[in-house]
Amino acid sequence: MYKNMFDLTGKVALVSGASRGIGEEIALCLAEYGAHVIVSSRRIEGCQSVADKIIANGGSAEALTCNVGNMDDITATFQHIKQQHNGKLDILINNGAANPYFGHILDTDIAAFNKTVDVNIRGYFFMSIEAGKLMREQGGGSIVNTASVNAIQPGDMQGIYSITKAAVVNMTKSFAKECAPFGIRCNALLPGFTKTKFAGALFTNDEIYKKAVANIPMSRHAEPNEMAGAVLYLASNASSYTNGECIVVDGGLTI
């Protein structure tokens, strides 16, 4: 009964921001458990590299360019799914994000504000809407949003990014509440201090790094692959009664 709870055989999964970091590890994990993974990000080269890695490991994948901050790209992505997969989409992982500004909140300019909001809020919202429409037609599915512990505790010098991630948490709950009658579950992953290129500014400054690690009970940062297990749970039938939840994976930072 329990042996196959995490089995994703026959499922189609779309992972945004999957060309590196946490998104790449999520894509590799879902594929290893049987899903056909659409590896998506802004640049096709990185996506193709991840898709090739999945295929080399015996999995099923394809690469697809999609900048979730661009509405035309979102439209094209779901048109592709309708044409190539007959509209079948079982899993959406909203992982692509933007954090162009690192500095005092009072110095945030309009360009940084717009880019962060367009990707982290508008992008997630309309990706979820398009995925939700397909899932409603097929009788269900799972949406997982990558938020951040910054949604709970705003990160230093990361004001607008933290604000958008707090919005993702409420967005997750809103979709979970309204889409549950269609068999669609929506949950979120809240990663802590994870070593990725995206978080590079936190790792290149020794003072900031030491301060961050000092506040973590496990006394270390996370590796991207340590986020994949929680997403696998949320994407699979193992979490069939989990809806509207935000799973914090932060080594105890927010205790």
Protein backbone atom coordinates (compact mmCIF):
# COMPACT_ATOMS: atom_id res chain seq x y z
CA MET A 1 0.00 0.00 0.00
CA TYR A 2 2.74 2.44 0.94
CA LYS A 3 5.59 1.28 -1.28
CA ASN A 4 4.48 3.27 -4.32
CA MET A 5 3.26 6.43 -2.61
CA PHE A 6 5.97 8.49 -4.29
CA ASP A 7 5.68 6.86 -7.71
CA LEU A 8 5.17 9.41 -10.50
CA THR A 9 5.10 7.02 -13.44
CA GLY A 10 2.92 8.40 -16.23
CA LYS A 11 2.82 11.90 -14.75
CA VAL A 12 3.79 15.03 -16.69
CA ALA A 13 5.60 17.67 -14.64
CA LEU A 14 6.53 21.23 -15.58
CA VAL A 15 9.38 22.74 -13.55
CA SER A 16 10.23 26.41 -14.02
CA GLY A 17 13.67 27.76 -13.14
CA ALA A 18 14.98 24.23 -13.66
CA SER A 19 18.27 24.92 -15.44
CA ARG A 20 20.30 24.98 -12.20
CA GLY A 21 20.17 25.03 -8.42
CA ILE A 22 17.07 23.90 -6.58
CA GLY A 23 15.02 23.68 -9.78
CA GLU A 24 17.52 21.33 -11.39
CA GLU A 25 17.51 19.03 -8.36
CA ILE A 26 13.71 19.00 -8.31
CA ALA A 27 13.61 18.08 -12.00
CA LEU A 28 16.14 15.28 -11.53
CA CYS A 29 14.24 13.94 -8.52
CA LEU A 30 10.80 13.93 -10.17
CA ALA A 31 12.24 12.22 -13.24
CA GLU A 32 13.93 9.56 -11.11
CA TYR A 33 10.52 8.73 -9.63
CA GLY A 34 8.99 8.28 -13.07
CA ALA A 35 7.64 11.65 -14.22
CA HIS A 36 8.18 13.07 -17.68
CA VAL A 37 9.74 16.42 -16.83
CA ILE A 38 9.45 19.58 -18.90
CA VAL A 39 12.62 21.39 -17.89
CA SER A 40 11.94 25.10 -18.24
CA SER A 41 13.85 28.33 -17.73
CA ARG A 42 14.85 31.49 -19.58
CA ARG A 43 17.76 29.93 -21.48
CA ILE A 44 17.39 26.75 -23.49
CA GLU A 45 21.04 25.69 -23.10
CA GLY A 46 20.79 25.13 -19.36
CA CYS A 47 17.43 23.42 -19.71
CA GLN A 48 18.72 21.09 -22.40
CA SER A 49 21.71 20.18 -20.23
CA VAL A 50 19.41 19.12 -17.38
CA ALA A 51 17.06 17.27 -19.75
CA ASP A 52 20.03 15.43 -21.28
CA LYS A 53 21.20 14.44 -17.80
CA ILE A 54 17.75 13.02 -17.01
CA ILE A 55 17.65 11.05 -20.26
CA ALA A 56 21.18 9.74 -19.70
CA ASN A 57 20.00 8.43 -16.33
CA GLY A 58 17.14 6.56 -17.98
CA GLY A 59 14.44 9.15 -17.38
CA SER A 60 12.12 11.11 -19.65
CA ALA A 61 12.47 14.86 -20.20
CA GLU A 62 12.39 17.74 -22.64
CA ALA A 63 13.72 21.29 -22.56
CA LEU A 64 11.50 24.32 -23.06
CA THR A 65 12.30 28.03 -22.91
CA CYS A 66 10.00 30.04 -20.65
CA ASN A 67 10.63 33.31 -18.85
CA VAL A 68 7.78 33.39 -16.33
CA GLY A 69 8.10 37.17 -16.21
CA ASN A 70 6.91 37.27 -19.82
CA MET A 71 3.22 36.59 -20.43
CA ASP A 72 3.82 35.58 -24.05
CA ASP A 73 6.24 32.89 -22.87
CA ILE A 74 3.67 31.55 -20.42
CA THR A 75 1.05 31.39 -23.17
CA ALA A 76 3.47 29.60 -25.49
CA THR A 77 4.44 27.10 -22.80
CA PHE A 78 0.89 25.97 -22.19
CA GLN A 79 0.13 25.93 -25.88
CA HIS A 80 3.05 23.52 -26.23
CA ILE A 81 1.62 21.31 -23.47
CA LYS A 82 -1.77 21.28 -25.18
CA GLN A 83 -0.24 20.33 -28.52
CA GLN A 84 2.50 17.93 -27.46
CA HIS A 85 0.90 16.34 -24.39
CA ASN A 86 -2.80 16.65 -25.26
CA GLY A 87 -3.20 19.12 -22.42
CA LYS A 88 -1.98 16.65 -19.81
CA LEU A 89 -0.20 18.28 -16.87
CA ASP A 90 -0.14 16.60 -13.48
CA ILE A 91 2.47 18.63 -11.65
CA LEU A 92 3.52 22.28 -11.79
CA ILE A 93 6.58 23.42 -9.85
CA ASN A 94 6.78 27.22 -9.78
CA ASN A 95 10.46 27.64 -9.02
CA GLY A 96 11.73 30.37 -11.37
CA ALA A 97 12.33 33.56 -9.42
CA ALA A 98 13.98 36.97 -9.57
CA ASN A 99 16.03 38.82 -6.97
CA PRO A 100 17.83 41.58 -8.90
CA TYR A 101 18.37 43.91 -5.95
CA PHE A 102 20.47 43.38 -2.83
CA GLY A 103 20.60 46.48 -0.67
CA HIS A 104 18.72 48.75 1.71
CA ILE A 105 14.97 48.77 1.10
CA LEU A 106 14.91 52.58 0.86
CA ASP A 107 17.18 52.43 -2.18
CA THR A 108 15.00 50.00 -4.16
CA ASP A 109 14.42 51.38 -7.65
CA ILE A 110 11.35 50.87 -9.82
CA ALA A 111 13.13 48.56 -12.28
CA ALA A 112 14.16 46.12 -9.55
CA PHE A 113 10.70 46.34 -7.98
CA ASN A 114 8.92 45.61 -11.27
CA LYS A 115 11.15 42.70 -12.25
CA THR A 116 10.82 41.03 -8.85
CA VAL A 117 7.04 41.43 -8.77
CA ASP A 118 6.56 40.41 -12.42
CA VAL A 119 8.40 37.12 -11.95
CA ASN A 120 7.71 36.16 -8.34
CA ILE A 121 4.05 37.18 -8.13
CA ARG A 122 2.58 37.68 -11.59
CA GLY A 123 4.56 34.81 -13.10
CA TYR A 124 3.61 32.31 -10.40
CA PHE A 125 0.00 33.49 -10.49
CA PHE A 126 -0.57 33.05 -14.20
CA MET A 127 1.50 29.86 -14.43
CA SER A 128 -0.81 28.48 -11.73
CA ILE A 129 -3.93 29.70 -13.54
CA GLU A 130 -2.95 28.05 -16.82
CA ALA A 131 -1.87 24.84 -15.10
CA GLY A 132 -5.00 24.85 -12.98
CA LYS A 133 -7.25 25.06 -16.03
CA LEU A 134 -5.60 21.97 -17.52
CA MET A 135 -5.72 20.13 -14.19
CA ARG A 136 -9.39 20.98 -13.73
CA GLU A 137 -10.17 19.39 -17.09
CA GLN A 138 -8.32 16.17 -16.22
CA GLY A 139 -9.68 15.90 -12.69
CA GLY A 140 -6.77 17.05 -10.54
CA GLY A 141 -3.11 17.78 -10.10
CA SER A 142 -0.51 19.25 -7.79
CA ILE A 143 0.98 22.76 -7.79
CA VAL A 144 4.07 23.43 -5.69
CA ASN A 145 5.43 26.95 -5.24
CA THR A 146 8.97 27.65 -4.16
CA ALA A 147 8.70 30.51 -1.69
CA SER A 148 11.39 31.23 0.94
CA VAL A 149 11.92 31.53 4.68
CA ASN A 150 12.14 35.23 3.82
CA ALA A 151 8.35 35.06 3.60
CA ILE A 152 8.35 34.53 7.37
CA GLN A 153 11.42 36.51 8.39
CA PRO A 154 12.45 39.21 5.88
CA GLY A 155 16.03 38.79 4.78
CA ASP A 156 18.55 41.56 5.40
CA MET A 157 18.93 43.77 2.31
CA GLN A 158 16.28 41.68 0.52
CA GLY A 159 13.15 43.74 1.10
CA ILE A 160 11.18 43.48 -2.12
CA TYR A 161 12.21 39.85 -2.63
CA SER A 162 10.98 38.98 0.87
CA ILE A 163 7.71 40.82 0.24
CA THR A 164 7.04 38.88 -2.96
CA LYS A 165 7.79 35.57 -1.25
CA ALA A 166 5.28 36.42 1.48
CA ALA A 167 2.78 37.00 -1.32
CA VAL A 168 3.59 33.53 -2.72
CA VAL A 169 2.61 32.00 0.63
CA ASN A 170 -0.81 33.67 0.54
CA MET A 171 -1.17 32.84 -3.16
CA THR A 172 -0.53 29.20 -2.32
CA LYS A 173 -3.32 29.20 0.24
CA SER A 174 -5.71 31.02 -2.10
CA PHE A 175 -5.24 28.51 -4.91
CA ALA A 176 -5.42 25.63 -2.43
CA LYS A 177 -8.74 26.82 -1.06
CA GLU A 178 -10.44 27.58 -4.36
CA CYS A 179 -9.06 24.73 -6.47
CA ALA A 180 -9.46 21.83 -4.03
CA PRO A 181 -12.97 21.03 -5.32
CA PHE A 182 -11.35 20.25 -8.70
CA GLY A 183 -8.90 17.80 -7.15
CA ILE A 184 -6.06 20.32 -7.39
CA ARG A 185 -3.75 20.66 -4.41
CA CYS A 186 -1.44 23.65 -3.96
CA ASN A 187 1.41 23.75 -1.46
CA ALA A 188 4.70 25.57 -1.00
CA LEU A 189 8.32 24.86 -0.18
CA LEU A 190 10.10 27.47 1.93
CA PRO A 191 13.85 26.89 1.54
CA GLY A 192 16.30 28.29 4.03
CA PHE A 193 19.92 29.28 3.44
CA THR A 194 20.78 27.23 0.36
CA LYS A 195 23.97 27.36 -1.70
CA THR A 196 22.90 28.34 -5.20
CA LYS A 197 24.10 30.83 -7.78
CA PHE A 198 20.82 32.67 -7.18
CA ALA A 199 21.87 33.28 -3.54
CA GLY A 200 25.43 34.14 -4.52
CA ALA A 201 25.50 37.53 -2.79
CA LEU A 202 24.98 35.82 0.57
CA PHE A 203 27.90 33.46 0.04
CA THR A 204 30.49 35.88 -1.34
CA ASN A 205 30.32 38.17 1.69
CA ASP A 206 32.06 36.39 4.57
CA GLU A 207 30.46 38.57 7.25
CA ILE A 208 26.93 37.96 5.94
CA TYR A 209 27.60 34.24 5.53
CA LYS A 210 28.89 33.77 9.09
CA LYS A 211 25.96 35.73 10.48
CA ALA A 212 23.49 33.60 8.53
CA VAL A 213 25.00 30.27 9.56
CA ALA A 214 25.26 31.38 13.20
CA ASN A 215 21.45 31.63 13.32
CA ILE A 216 20.91 28.09 12.04
CA PRO A 217 20.76 25.36 14.73
CA MET A 218 22.30 22.85 12.31
CA SER A 219 25.21 25.30 11.84
CA ARG A 220 25.46 24.93 8.08
CA HIS A 221 23.85 25.95 4.81
CA ALA A 222 21.76 23.56 2.70
CA GLU A 223 22.66 22.04 -0.64
CA PRO A 224 20.05 22.30 -3.44
CA ASN A 225 19.37 18.54 -3.43
CA GLU A 226 18.16 18.79 0.17
CA MET A 227 15.07 20.63 -1.08
CA ALA A 228 13.98 17.97 -3.58
CA GLY A 229 12.55 15.46 -1.09
CA ALA A 230 9.95 17.87 0.27
CA VAL A 231 8.84 18.72 -3.27
CA LEU A 232 8.61 15.03 -4.19
CA TYR A 233 6.30 14.55 -1.21
CA LEU A 234 4.09 17.49 -2.21
CA ALA A 235 3.96 16.43 -5.87
CA SER A 236 3.12 12.78 -5.20
CA ASN A 237 0.22 10.83 -3.74
CA ALA A 238 2.13 10.66 -0.46
CA SER A 239 0.65 14.11 0.23
CA SER A 240 -2.86 13.35 -1.02
CA TYR A 241 -4.46 15.13 1.97
CA THR A 242 -1.91 17.94 2.22
CA ASN A 243 -3.27 21.20 0.82
CA GLY A 244 -2.40 24.83 1.42
CA GLU A 245 0.65 23.95 3.49
CA CYS A 246 4.03 25.67 3.51
CA ILE A 247 6.84 23.27 4.35
CA VAL A 248 9.86 25.04 5.81
CA VAL A 249 13.22 23.39 5.07
CA ASP A 250 15.72 25.62 6.83
CA GLY A 251 17.82 23.61 9.28
CA GLY A 252 15.85 25.12 12.14
CA LEU A 253 16.45 28.80 11.31
CA THR A 254 12.87 29.87 12.00
CA ILE A 255 12.44 27.95 15.25
